[in-house]
Amino acid sequence: MRTVIITLTIVFAAFLLPAQSPGSEFIEYTSEHFLIRVESNITTARNISLQLEAMYTFFNQYFRFPEKSSGLPLKVTILNSKPEFDAYLRPIIQRQYNGYVYLHYGVESRNELVGFVSNLQEVTVSLVQQAFQQYLKHHIKNPPLWISEGFGGYIRDAQFDAQTQQINFVEKSETAESIQISLDENVNYSLLPMNTVLSMTRESLAANNTSFYTTIWALFSYLLNDAPPHHSRILWDSIAYLSSSASAADNLNKLGERVYSWIDYSSLDRNILAYVQNYETPYTLLGKGQSLMQENKYAEAEEIFKRVTEIQPSGVGGYYYLGYANYHQGKYDSAIVFYEQAQTYGLDANLGNLAIALAYHSMGDTDRAIDVINLVEPSSKHYARSQELLREWN
C-alpha cells in the first residue's frame, strides 16, 4: 500500500497571501496546543480540538518533545465544505486536494493545518497524517524525510475514540501483505537498502518513489515492534539528535555522524526483510492453513483460518476456508454458515452455492441441496460441476 504524505513548504512571502477565503468570517477556539478557526460553529471547533489534542498526546508518546517556549498555538483552519476549502487554497496552490493539508511557511505564526468538514474516511486519514506533519514541524522545522513521511504513513490508520477522547491505533497488515506478495511473485522485487532510506531527500525520492513508502512502513514496523535494542535505538537516537532550527542537510549530516555511522546496514536490511516475510498476514496464514489441509490436518487449519478472520473481519478467504475445513470435519452446519459469510463479503456466489449444496447433501438434505445447486448460473465456470452433481443426486 503506497502512502503519500503531502506537506507544502511555502517558499514565498507569506504576507502576500490572503488569510481567508472570500467572504468568510472565522470563529476562533483555543485549546491547550491549538488555535482552531472554523466557519460553522463553536461546537465544530471544540470537536476538532478534542481530536487534535488526542493526536498531539499520541504523537508525543513516541517523540517526547518538550513544550516550545514561544507559546504560539498550532493554527488550524476548518472550512464548511470542499468548494470553500478549494477556494481557500487556490491562491496558494494550484492543484486540488481531497483532505487536510498542512501549509508549512517556515514562519511559526503563519503555519497552518487546513481542512473541511467531512466524515469521509479519506479525509479522516489525511487529518491524522497532516496533523502529524504539523506536530513534527512545530518542533523540528526540517526533519529527515524517513521520519516525517515514514511515521506519518505508519500511523495512518489511527482513529479517534470520541468516548475515551483518546487515539486508538492497531497496526494493520495490508502493507506487509503487499510486500510478501511482491516478493513471492517478482524475483526482482526488493525493499530499498536502509542506507538509501535513511539519507533520502525529497530530490532523491522521485527516483525511488515506488518502493520508498512500503520500505519505510517496514522500517517503522520493525523498529517499533521487533527490533533488538541496537536497531530500535536508530529511531530514538535520531529523534534525540535532531535540531529544531537546523536545515534538512545539517540535520542529516548530524545523524550521519552521531547515529548512522555505527549501523551495520547488512544486518539491518536482513532483519527487516526477515521480519516482513514472517509478519502474520492473511496471505501467509492462508498459505499455512492450505498446507495443513493438504496434510488432512483440518482442525489445525481451522484455527489458522479463524485467525485470518480476526485480522481481516470482512475478508473472503478466511470464511471460505473455514467452511472448507469444517466441511471436511463433518461439521456441515458450521460449513454452511461460513460459506454464507464468505458470500456476504464477496465470494463468487456460484462457488458459494456449489459448496453450500455439497454441505446440505452431506447432511442428507438432498432436496435443499438441489434447490441451492440450481442457483449456479450457466455462465459460471462452476456450472459443469453443478450439473454433474445434479445427475448424481437425481
Foldseek 3Di string as FASTA:
>chain_A
DFDDADAAAAADDPVVADPFFPPADWDWDDDQAEIETERPDVVVVVVVVLLLVQLLVVVCVPQVDDDDPVSDHAYEYEYADQVRLCRGCVVPDPDGDDEKYWYHHVDRNRTYIYGYDDPDLVRLLNCSLRSLVSSVCNQAVAAAPLVSLLVSLQQSPWDQDPVVSHIDGDGACVLLVVLLVCVVPPVPDAADQVVCLLLDDPVNCVVVVPRNRSNSNLLVCCLVPPDDPLSVVLVVVLSVQGDRPDHNVVSSVSCVVPPVVPDPRVVVRVVSVVCSNPPDALVVLLVVLVVCVVVVNLVVSLVSLVVNCVSVVLAQSSLQSNLVSCVSVVNLVSSLVSLVSSVVSPDDQQVSLQSNLVSCVSVVNNVVSLVSLVPRDPVDPCVVVSVVVVVVSD
